[in-house]
């Protein structure tokens, strides 16, 4: 399936290298369409959002505020209002429009249209996803009302991995994978959103050199250190998402001990010391249900492989997706992982028989603590919802 999509996507993006910069010079608005999607007027969207009333706000991201709205034809929408109208914002605006109009996947949010890039405000119009973000369900207001059950969480992991594997097969790096960008519909199906930071990967390139952008706690430390953006950068971020799903903790929380502000560091430390009760959400049934215990331990192991400092030790999204599916149906074989070798068994003959926890602790033997950045110059909250904007 991924191989077929790779071929299909390569055709779609054949001209992408020439389009990203030259498109700023060419007028790609034909009639009332832009990249093939309808162009809305500012007046239409002001009416739809009640003049961008603050009570209509759905979220505040790194590039703009998202408002709930209702179009004249009755469709419910989410309208992203970009903060500034300058060259950089126009480029990000165009990137998101170009990507979303060329991709079709059930786990990616759909774009209904946008304003003209020449308009006084840059506005993007998406389908409205009614059930909030995964972040809100894990450690926000919705979590207090009705916490997500484990089987819903593993489904979220699989569907998010499906969307990211599809993007990577299309040579697209998301660059801002986080639980605030994973939306849920009324059936708790995933819609990955916010492509403002996405990058169309050049042909025949192993990486792209670009100033680090992303969200504190999710940024690949290798990307932050070396400015080398690649698919494995999304993998690191997804590893943080997996830890959030098993712990219900935010990726960054300044109320935690300074060594554990970063969730990736906290998770590595707790699993290394077998302090699972201090990491895994006790409401998931980890201690009472053997099947849930098995799945959570396998997901924790997979998350840690995603969080390896050495990018070459991280699995590809296609591999991650296959493993998550196997974990969910009970066919996963942790000892046969080809991404990280568990060599922690030597000299352990006097120890008790392996437990589910012991199957995965060996992965940490030679693992360095991740150092994803947890501070930026701009102000951001403990949930780490704002983005880094460097260079």
Protein backbone atom coordinates (compact mmCIF):
# COMPACT_ATOMS: atom_id res chain seq x y z
CA UNK A 1 0.00 0.00 0.00
CA UNK A 2 2.73 2.47 0.95
CA UNK A 3 4.75 1.47 -2.13
CA UNK A 4 1.77 2.22 -4.38
CA UNK A 5 1.24 5.55 -2.68
CA UNK A 6 4.90 6.41 -3.13
CA UNK A 7 4.52 6.06 -6.90
CA UNK A 8 1.26 8.01 -6.88
CA UNK A 9 2.68 10.78 -4.73
CA UNK A 10 5.86 11.08 -6.79
CA UNK A 11 3.67 11.93 -9.76
CA UNK A 12 1.71 14.49 -7.78
CA UNK A 13 4.83 16.27 -6.54
CA UNK A 14 7.00 15.90 -9.64
CA UNK A 15 7.26 19.66 -10.04
CA UNK A 16 7.45 20.55 -6.37
CA UNK A 17 11.11 21.65 -6.40
CA UNK A 18 10.36 24.38 -8.90
CA UNK A 19 7.04 25.41 -7.42
CA UNK A 20 7.77 26.28 -3.80
CA UNK A 21 9.75 29.49 -4.42
CA UNK A 22 8.71 30.39 -7.96
CA UNK A 23 5.08 30.10 -6.93
CA UNK A 24 5.57 33.24 -4.86
CA UNK A 25 6.26 35.12 -8.07
CA UNK A 26 3.63 33.48 -10.26
CA UNK A 27 -0.04 34.20 -9.86
CA UNK A 28 -1.55 30.78 -9.21
CA UNK A 29 -5.03 32.16 -8.66
CA UNK A 30 -7.22 31.22 -11.60
CA UNK A 31 -10.73 32.58 -11.55
CA UNK A 32 -12.09 31.99 -8.07
CA UNK A 33 -9.68 29.13 -7.35
CA UNK A 34 -6.25 28.94 -5.74
CA UNK A 35 -4.34 25.67 -6.20
CA UNK A 36 -7.74 24.36 -7.23
CA UNK A 37 -9.63 25.25 -4.03
CA UNK A 38 -12.26 27.99 -3.66
CA UNK A 39 -11.19 31.49 -2.68
CA UNK A 40 -13.26 33.06 0.09
CA UNK A 41 -13.53 36.77 0.72
CA UNK A 42 -12.57 38.26 4.05
CA UNK A 43 -16.15 39.44 4.44
CA UNK A 44 -17.51 35.89 4.08
CA UNK A 45 -15.20 34.55 6.76
CA UNK A 46 -15.76 37.46 9.09
CA UNK A 47 -19.47 36.73 8.88
CA UNK A 48 -18.88 33.00 9.40
CA UNK A 49 -16.85 33.59 12.58
CA UNK A 50 -18.95 36.45 13.95
CA UNK A 51 -16.11 38.85 13.15
CA UNK A 52 -13.55 36.53 14.73
CA UNK A 53 -15.23 36.68 18.09
CA UNK A 54 -12.93 35.46 20.86
CA UNK A 55 -15.69 33.13 22.07
CA UNK A 56 -15.32 31.27 18.73
CA UNK A 57 -11.65 30.46 19.26
CA UNK A 58 -10.75 26.78 18.92
CA UNK A 59 -7.01 27.05 19.46
CA UNK A 60 -3.93 29.23 19.29
CA UNK A 61 -1.02 27.77 17.36
CA UNK A 62 2.41 28.95 16.32
CA UNK A 63 1.19 30.70 13.18
CA UNK A 64 -2.30 31.85 13.98
CA UNK A 65 -5.55 31.54 15.86
CA UNK A 66 -8.18 29.03 14.73
CA UNK A 67 -11.85 30.00 14.96
CA UNK A 68 -15.06 28.03 14.67
CA UNK A 69 -17.30 29.24 11.88
CA UNK A 70 -20.38 28.42 9.86
CA UNK A 71 -20.51 29.19 6.15
CA UNK A 72 -23.59 30.51 4.35
CA UNK A 73 -24.18 27.02 2.91
CA UNK A 74 -24.40 25.59 6.43
CA UNK A 75 -21.00 23.88 6.56
CA UNK A 76 -19.18 24.04 9.89
CA UNK A 77 -15.57 25.09 9.45
CA UNK A 78 -12.37 25.90 11.29
CA UNK A 79 -10.81 29.15 10.07
CA UNK A 80 -7.11 29.73 10.69
CA UNK A 81 -6.22 33.41 10.85
CA UNK A 82 -2.48 33.88 10.34
CA UNK A 83 -0.78 36.38 12.61
CA UNK A 84 1.20 38.43 10.12
CA UNK A 85 1.06 39.17 6.43
CA UNK A 86 4.68 39.14 5.32
CA UNK A 87 6.84 37.11 2.94
CA UNK A 88 7.43 34.33 5.45
CA UNK A 89 3.78 34.00 6.36
CA UNK A 90 2.76 34.02 2.70
CA UNK A 91 5.21 31.20 2.02
CA UNK A 92 3.88 29.11 4.92
CA UNK A 93 0.34 29.88 3.80
CA UNK A 94 1.12 28.70 0.28
CA UNK A 95 2.92 25.58 1.51
CA UNK A 96 -0.08 24.49 3.53
CA UNK A 97 -2.52 25.15 0.70
CA UNK A 98 -0.34 23.35 -1.84
CA UNK A 99 0.14 20.28 0.33
CA UNK A 100 -3.47 19.92 1.44
CA UNK A 101 -4.91 20.37 -2.04
CA UNK A 102 -2.68 17.65 -3.47
CA UNK A 103 -3.15 15.03 -0.75
CA UNK A 104 -6.21 12.93 -0.01
CA UNK A 105 -6.23 10.73 3.07
CA UNK A 106 -8.91 9.90 5.60
CA UNK A 107 -6.55 10.74 8.48
CA UNK A 108 -5.53 14.18 7.17
CA UNK A 109 -7.69 17.24 7.74
CA UNK A 110 -9.38 18.54 4.55
CA UNK A 111 -8.96 22.05 3.26
CA UNK A 112 -12.17 23.69 2.02
CA UNK A 113 -10.56 26.87 0.72
CA UNK A 114 -8.68 30.05 1.59
CA UNK A 115 -8.54 33.77 0.99
CA UNK A 116 -6.47 35.26 -1.81
CA UNK A 117 -2.78 35.56 -0.95
CA UNK A 118 -3.19 39.22 -1.93
CA UNK A 119 -5.96 39.82 0.62
CA UNK A 120 -5.44 41.95 3.71
CA UNK A 121 -5.57 38.82 5.88
CA UNK A 122 -4.39 35.28 5.15
CA UNK A 123 -7.13 32.84 6.14
CA UNK A 124 -7.35 29.07 5.68
CA UNK A 125 -10.70 27.26 5.84
CA UNK A 126 -10.73 23.63 7.02
CA UNK A 127 -13.33 21.04 7.76
CA UNK A 128 -14.41 21.38 11.38
CA UNK A 129 -13.39 18.43 13.55
CA UNK A 130 -15.74 18.45 16.51
CA UNK A 131 -14.04 16.40 19.21
CA UNK A 132 -10.99 18.51 19.99
CA UNK A 133 -7.33 17.56 20.09
CA UNK A 134 -5.63 14.50 21.49
CA UNK A 135 -3.75 16.83 23.86
CA UNK A 136 -7.01 18.06 25.34
CA UNK A 137 -8.23 14.49 25.82
CA UNK A 138 -4.97 13.41 27.48
CA UNK A 139 -4.15 16.31 29.79
CA UNK A 140 -6.65 19.08 29.13
CA UNK A 141 -10.23 19.85 30.10
CA UNK A 142 -11.71 16.87 28.24
CA UNK A 143 -9.40 14.50 30.13
CA UNK A 144 -11.11 15.46 33.38
CA UNK A 145 -14.54 14.65 32.01
CA UNK A 146 -14.00 11.41 30.12
CA UNK A 147 -10.41 10.04 29.96
CA UNK A 148 -9.48 8.07 26.87
CA UNK A 149 -9.49 4.28 27.29
CA UNK A 150 -6.42 2.33 26.22
CA UNK A 151 -8.03 0.79 23.13
CA UNK A 152 -8.92 4.27 21.89
CA UNK A 153 -5.34 5.40 22.50
CA UNK A 154 -3.75 2.55 20.54
CA UNK A 155 -6.18 3.29 17.71
CA UNK A 156 -5.11 6.95 17.78
CA UNK A 157 -1.47 5.86 17.60
CA UNK A 158 -2.15 3.61 14.60
CA UNK A 159 -4.17 6.20 12.68
CA UNK A 160 -1.61 8.94 13.33
CA UNK A 161 1.19 6.64 12.18
CA UNK A 162 -0.89 5.82 9.09
CA UNK A 163 -1.15 9.53 8.20
CA UNK A 164 2.56 10.17 8.79
CA UNK A 165 3.61 7.09 6.81
CA UNK A 166 1.46 8.37 3.94
CA UNK A 167 3.08 11.82 4.13
CA UNK A 168 6.57 10.29 4.16
CA UNK A 169 5.66 8.12 1.17
CA UNK A 170 4.78 11.39 -0.56
CA UNK A 171 8.16 12.89 0.40
CA UNK A 172 6.58 15.28 2.88
CA UNK A 173 7.91 15.93 6.38
CA UNK A 174 5.29 17.34 8.74
CA UNK A 175 7.83 19.05 11.07
CA UNK A 176 5.32 19.79 13.84
CA UNK A 177 3.94 16.43 14.97
CA UNK A 178 2.34 16.85 18.39
CA UNK A 179 -0.87 15.96 20.20
CA UNK A 180 -2.19 19.49 19.68
CA UNK A 181 -2.07 18.84 15.93
CA UNK A 182 -3.90 15.52 16.10
CA UNK A 183 -7.64 16.17 15.96
CA UNK A 184 -10.41 13.71 16.80
CA UNK A 185 -13.85 13.45 15.23
CA UNK A 186 -16.98 12.33 17.05
CA UNK A 187 -15.98 8.68 16.53
CA UNK A 188 -12.45 9.37 17.88
CA UNK A 189 -10.92 8.90 14.42
CA UNK A 190 -7.73 10.86 13.80
CA UNK A 191 -7.29 13.88 11.56
CA UNK A 192 -3.70 15.17 11.48
CA UNK A 193 -3.65 18.93 11.00
CA UNK A 194 -1.47 22.04 10.73
CA UNK A 195 0.86 21.79 7.77
CA UNK A 196 2.24 25.32 8.06
CA UNK A 197 5.69 23.97 8.92
CA UNK A 198 5.65 21.08 6.46
CA UNK A 199 8.44 20.67 3.98
CA UNK A 200 8.31 19.17 0.49
CA UNK A 201 11.38 16.94 0.44
CA UNK A 202 13.66 17.53 -2.59
CA UNK A 203 14.26 14.62 -4.95
CA UNK A 204 17.30 12.43 -4.20
CA UNK A 205 18.03 14.19 -0.89
CA UNK A 206 18.81 12.42 2.39
CA UNK A 207 18.02 15.54 4.40
CA UNK A 208 17.22 19.24 4.10
CA UNK A 209 19.22 21.96 5.85
CA UNK A 210 16.87 24.45 7.46
CA UNK A 211 16.69 26.44 10.68
CA UNK A 212 14.94 24.49 13.46
CA UNK A 213 11.21 25.00 13.75
CA UNK A 214 8.72 23.03 15.78
CA UNK A 215 7.35 22.79 19.28
CA UNK A 216 9.34 22.57 22.56
CA UNK A 217 9.64 18.99 23.77
CA UNK A 218 8.89 17.49 20.34
CA UNK A 219 11.83 18.80 18.31
CA UNK A 220 14.33 16.20 17.14
CA UNK A 221 17.58 17.03 19.01
CA UNK A 222 19.64 16.13 15.93
CA UNK A 223 17.59 18.56 13.83
CA UNK A 224 17.93 21.26 16.48
CA UNK A 225 21.68 20.70 16.76
CA UNK A 226 22.64 20.19 13.10
CA UNK A 227 19.78 21.81 11.13
CA UNK A 228 19.32 18.47 9.33
CA UNK A 229 15.63 17.88 8.67
CA UNK A 230 14.54 14.39 7.61
CA UNK A 231 11.76 11.86 7.99
CA UNK A 232 13.34 10.63 11.21
CA UNK A 233 12.67 14.07 12.70
CA UNK A 234 8.94 13.32 12.53
CA UNK A 235 9.69 9.91 14.04
CA UNK A 236 11.25 11.53 17.11
CA UNK A 237 8.20 13.76 17.58
CA UNK A 238 5.89 10.78 17.17
CA UNK A 239 7.86 8.99 19.90
CA UNK A 240 6.91 11.81 22.27
CA UNK A 241 3.27 11.41 21.20
CA UNK A 242 3.45 7.69 22.05
CA UNK A 243 4.78 8.49 25.53
CA UNK A 244 1.94 10.98 26.01
CA UNK A 245 -0.55 8.26 25.10
CA UNK A 246 0.76 5.86 27.74
CA UNK A 247 1.38 8.47 30.44
CA UNK A 248 -1.32 11.14 29.92
CA UNK A 249 1.43 13.69 30.65
CA UNK A 250 2.21 16.76 28.49
CA UNK A 251 5.40 16.82 26.42
CA UNK A 252 6.72 19.78 28.42
CA UNK A 253 5.69 20.73 31.94
CA UNK A 254 7.70 23.31 33.87
CA UNK A 255 6.09 22.19 37.13
CA UNK A 256 8.05 18.92 36.97
CA UNK A 257 11.60 18.42 38.25
CA UNK A 258 14.03 20.28 36.00
CA UNK A 259 15.48 17.02 34.66
CA UNK A 260 11.99 15.82 33.82
CA UNK A 261 10.46 18.95 32.30
CA UNK A 262 10.99 17.23 28.95
CA UNK A 263 8.71 14.16 28.79
CA UNK A 264 11.20 12.27 26.63
CA UNK A 265 13.81 12.55 29.40
CA UNK A 266 11.29 11.61 32.07
CA UNK A 267 10.15 8.50 30.16
CA UNK A 268 13.71 7.34 29.49
CA UNK A 269 14.64 7.73 33.15
CA UNK A 270 11.55 6.01 34.54
CA UNK A 271 11.80 3.01 32.23
CA UNK A 272 15.55 2.70 32.77
CA UNK A 273 14.89 2.51 36.52
CA UNK A 274 11.79 0.32 36.01
CA UNK A 275 9.66 2.95 37.73
CA UNK A 276 6.72 2.27 35.45
CA UNK A 277 4.17 3.27 38.06
CA UNK A 278 5.61 6.81 37.90
CA UNK A 279 5.19 7.03 34.13
CA UNK A 280 2.20 5.01 32.97
CA UNK A 281 -1.29 6.37 33.61
CA UNK A 282 -2.73 4.11 36.36
CA UNK A 283 -6.24 4.52 34.94
CA UNK A 284 -5.35 2.51 31.84
CA UNK A 285 -5.48 -0.87 33.59
CA UNK A 286 -1.76 -1.45 33.21
CA UNK A 287 -1.48 -3.32 36.53
CA UNK A 288 -4.78 -5.18 36.42
CA UNK A 289 -5.11 -6.28 32.77
CA UNK A 290 -2.30 -8.49 31.34
CA UNK A 291 -3.28 -7.74 27.75
CA UNK A 292 -3.17 -3.99 28.29
CA UNK A 293 0.12 -4.46 30.16
CA UNK A 294 1.56 -6.27 27.14
CA UNK A 295 0.48 -3.58 24.70
CA UNK A 296 1.63 -0.64 26.80
CA UNK A 297 5.06 -2.18 27.39
CA UNK A 298 5.45 -2.79 23.66
CA UNK A 299 4.38 0.77 22.84
CA UNK A 300 6.81 2.11 25.47
CA UNK A 301 9.61 0.13 23.83
CA UNK A 302 8.66 1.43 20.40
CA UNK A 303 8.49 5.01 21.70
CA UNK A 304 12.00 4.77 23.10
CA UNK A 305 13.35 3.53 19.78
CA UNK A 306 11.74 6.57 18.16
CA UNK A 307 13.47 8.78 20.73
CA UNK A 308 16.99 7.52 20.07
CA UNK A 309 19.47 10.38 19.74
CA UNK A 310 21.10 8.58 16.83
CA UNK A 311 18.59 9.12 14.04
CA UNK A 312 19.81 5.98 12.26
CA UNK A 313 18.65 3.91 15.22
CA UNK A 314 15.09 5.18 14.90
CA UNK A 315 12.63 3.08 12.88
CA UNK A 316 10.91 4.41 9.78
CA UNK A 317 7.23 5.38 10.01
CA UNK A 318 6.27 2.40 7.84
CA UNK A 319 7.95 0.07 10.34
CA UNK A 320 6.32 1.89 13.26
CA UNK A 321 2.89 1.49 11.67
CA UNK A 322 3.42 -2.23 11.09
CA UNK A 323 4.54 -2.73 14.68
CA UNK A 324 1.64 -0.78 16.17
CA UNK A 325 -0.81 -2.89 14.19
CA UNK A 326 0.92 -6.06 15.37
CA UNK A 327 0.90 -4.83 18.97
CA UNK A 328 -2.84 -4.15 18.81
CA UNK A 329 -3.71 -7.66 17.58
CA UNK A 330 -1.16 -9.55 19.65
CA UNK A 331 1.22 -10.71 16.91
CA UNK A 332 4.09 -8.41 17.88
CA UNK A 333 7.41 -10.15 18.66
CA UNK A 334 9.61 -7.68 20.58
CA UNK A 335 12.70 -9.87 20.53
CA UNK A 336 12.75 -9.81 16.71
CA UNK A 337 13.01 -6.04 16.40
CA UNK A 338 15.55 -5.12 13.72
CA UNK A 339 15.91 -1.48 14.80
CA UNK A 340 17.49 -1.79 18.25
CA UNK A 341 19.27 -4.86 19.64
CA UNK A 342 18.52 -5.99 23.19
CA UNK A 343 21.89 -7.30 24.40
CA UNK A 344 21.12 -6.96 28.09
CA UNK A 345 20.73 -10.70 28.72
CA UNK A 346 24.39 -11.63 29.21
CA UNK A 347 25.34 -12.67 32.71
CA UNK A 348 21.73 -12.62 33.95
CA UNK A 349 21.29 -16.36 34.58
CA UNK A 350 20.57 -15.85 38.27
CA UNK A 351 17.80 -13.38 37.61
CA UNK A 352 14.13 -14.37 37.63
CA UNK A 353 12.39 -15.25 34.33
CA UNK A 354 11.74 -12.31 31.99
CA UNK A 355 8.62 -10.23 32.64
CA UNK A 356 6.96 -7.93 30.09
CA UNK A 357 8.92 -5.06 31.60
CA UNK A 358 12.27 -6.86 31.23
CA UNK A 359 11.66 -7.52 27.54
CA UNK A 360 12.12 -3.80 26.88
CA UNK A 361 14.48 -2.44 29.54
CA UNK A 362 17.49 -3.71 27.58
CA UNK A 363 16.81 -1.14 24.89
CA UNK A 364 18.05 1.55 27.25
CA UNK A 365 21.45 0.07 27.99
CA UNK A 366 23.37 2.24 25.55
CA UNK A 367 20.80 4.95 25.06
CA UNK A 368 21.69 8.57 25.71
CA UNK A 369 19.06 10.85 27.14
CA UNK A 370 17.24 12.86 24.47
CA UNK A 371 17.85 16.58 24.58
CA UNK A 372 14.93 18.04 22.69
CA UNK A 373 14.79 21.77 23.47
CA UNK A 374 12.36 22.77 26.20
CA UNK A 375 12.82 26.52 26.15
CA UNK A 376 12.47 29.22 23.51
CA UNK A 377 12.67 32.98 23.44
CA UNK A 378 8.95 33.45 23.09
CA UNK A 379 6.47 32.77 25.85
CA UNK A 380 4.82 29.36 25.92
CA UNK A 381 2.69 27.38 28.35
CA UNK A 382 3.41 24.20 30.26
CA UNK A 383 1.69 22.14 27.59
CA UNK A 384 4.27 23.25 25.05
CA UNK A 385 1.70 24.29 22.50
CA UNK A 386 3.62 27.17 20.96
CA UNK A 387 6.18 26.73 18.22
CA UNK A 388 9.84 27.56 17.88
CA UNK A 389 10.57 30.00 15.09
CA UNK A 390 14.30 30.17 14.47
CA UNK A 391 15.98 31.91 11.59
